[in-house]
Each structure stands twice: as structure tokens, then as C-alpha cells.
Protein backbone atom coordinates (compact mmCIF):
# COMPACT_ATOMS: atom_id res chain seq x y z
CA MET A 1 10.07 -11.81 18.76
CA THR A 2 13.46 -10.21 18.39
CA SER A 3 13.92 -6.46 17.61
CA THR A 4 15.00 -7.44 14.28
CA GLY A 5 12.08 -9.56 13.75
CA ALA A 6 9.56 -6.72 14.56
CA LEU A 7 11.45 -4.34 12.30
CA VAL A 8 11.21 -6.73 9.09
CA LEU A 9 7.67 -7.00 10.13
CA ILE A 10 7.06 -3.24 10.55
CA ALA A 11 8.59 -2.90 6.98
CA LEU A 12 6.56 -5.23 5.22
CA VAL A 13 3.33 -4.00 6.35
CA VAL A 14 4.60 -0.59 5.32
CA ILE A 15 5.65 -2.24 1.79
CA TYR A 16 2.05 -3.86 1.72
CA PHE A 17 0.41 -0.57 2.15
CA LEU A 18 2.75 1.52 0.30
CA PRO A 19 0.03 2.44 -2.46
CA GLY A 20 -2.63 3.63 -0.41
CA LEU A 21 0.20 5.53 1.51
CA VAL A 22 1.45 7.13 -1.76
CA ALA A 23 -2.09 8.07 -2.54
CA ALA A 24 -2.67 9.67 0.65
CA ARG A 25 0.30 11.68 0.19
CA ARG A 26 -0.22 12.74 -3.04
CA LYS A 27 -3.62 13.77 -2.18
CA HIS A 28 -5.19 11.58 -4.78
CA ARG A 29 -9.04 12.21 -5.19
CA ASN A 30 -9.49 8.61 -5.28
CA ALA A 31 -7.33 8.00 -1.64
CA THR A 32 -10.09 6.09 -0.15
CA ALA A 33 -10.34 3.79 -2.89
CA ILE A 34 -6.88 2.98 -3.44
CA GLY A 35 -6.48 2.57 0.12
CA ILE A 36 -9.63 -0.33 0.05
CA CYS A 37 -8.54 -2.01 -3.16
CA ASN A 38 -5.03 -2.44 -1.67
CA LEU A 39 -6.40 -3.49 1.44
CA LEU A 40 -8.58 -6.21 -0.28
CA PHE A 41 -6.46 -7.41 -3.18
CA GLY A 42 -2.86 -6.06 -2.39
CA TRP A 43 -1.97 -9.85 -1.36
CA THR A 44 -2.13 -10.76 -4.83
CA PHE A 45 1.11 -8.85 -6.61
CA ILE A 46 -1.10 -7.54 -9.36
CA GLY A 47 -3.58 -6.00 -6.99
CA TRP A 48 -0.85 -4.43 -5.33
CA GLY A 49 0.52 -3.42 -8.63
CA ILE A 50 -2.76 -1.89 -9.77
CA SER A 51 -3.04 0.09 -6.83
CA LEU A 52 0.21 1.41 -7.09
CA ILE A 53 -0.14 2.30 -10.51
CA TRP A 54 -3.47 4.06 -9.74
CA ALA A 55 -2.09 5.93 -6.77
CA PHE A 56 0.70 7.54 -9.21
CA LYS A 57 -1.91 8.43 -12.02
CA ASP A 58 -3.30 11.87 -11.71
């Protein structure tokens, strides 16, 4: 794997887990649940979107 490929892979993993990272950074009271939802359903765009919206809600 080239260094460019490794950077792309890292960027994709960060984007995939973005809702969980946002929730943890904002100290959301449901950060663990958001992270689990993102892990299990984030592979669908709908699950990822729901997790991201949930992470930004108070």
C-alpha cells in the first residue's frame, strides 16, 4: 500500500466515525449510544446521517 493509499484509508475511517467523534468531543450524554449506532448502522447513508444529526442535537 502506498502512502497515499494509507492516507485515503485513514481519512475514510475518520469520516465514517465522524458522528461518534463529534458526540465525544461535544460531551453528548448519549455519546456511547451514538458511537454504537454509528458502528452498526453507519455503513448505510441513512444510519450515518441519523448518527450525525443525533450527535449535533442537544
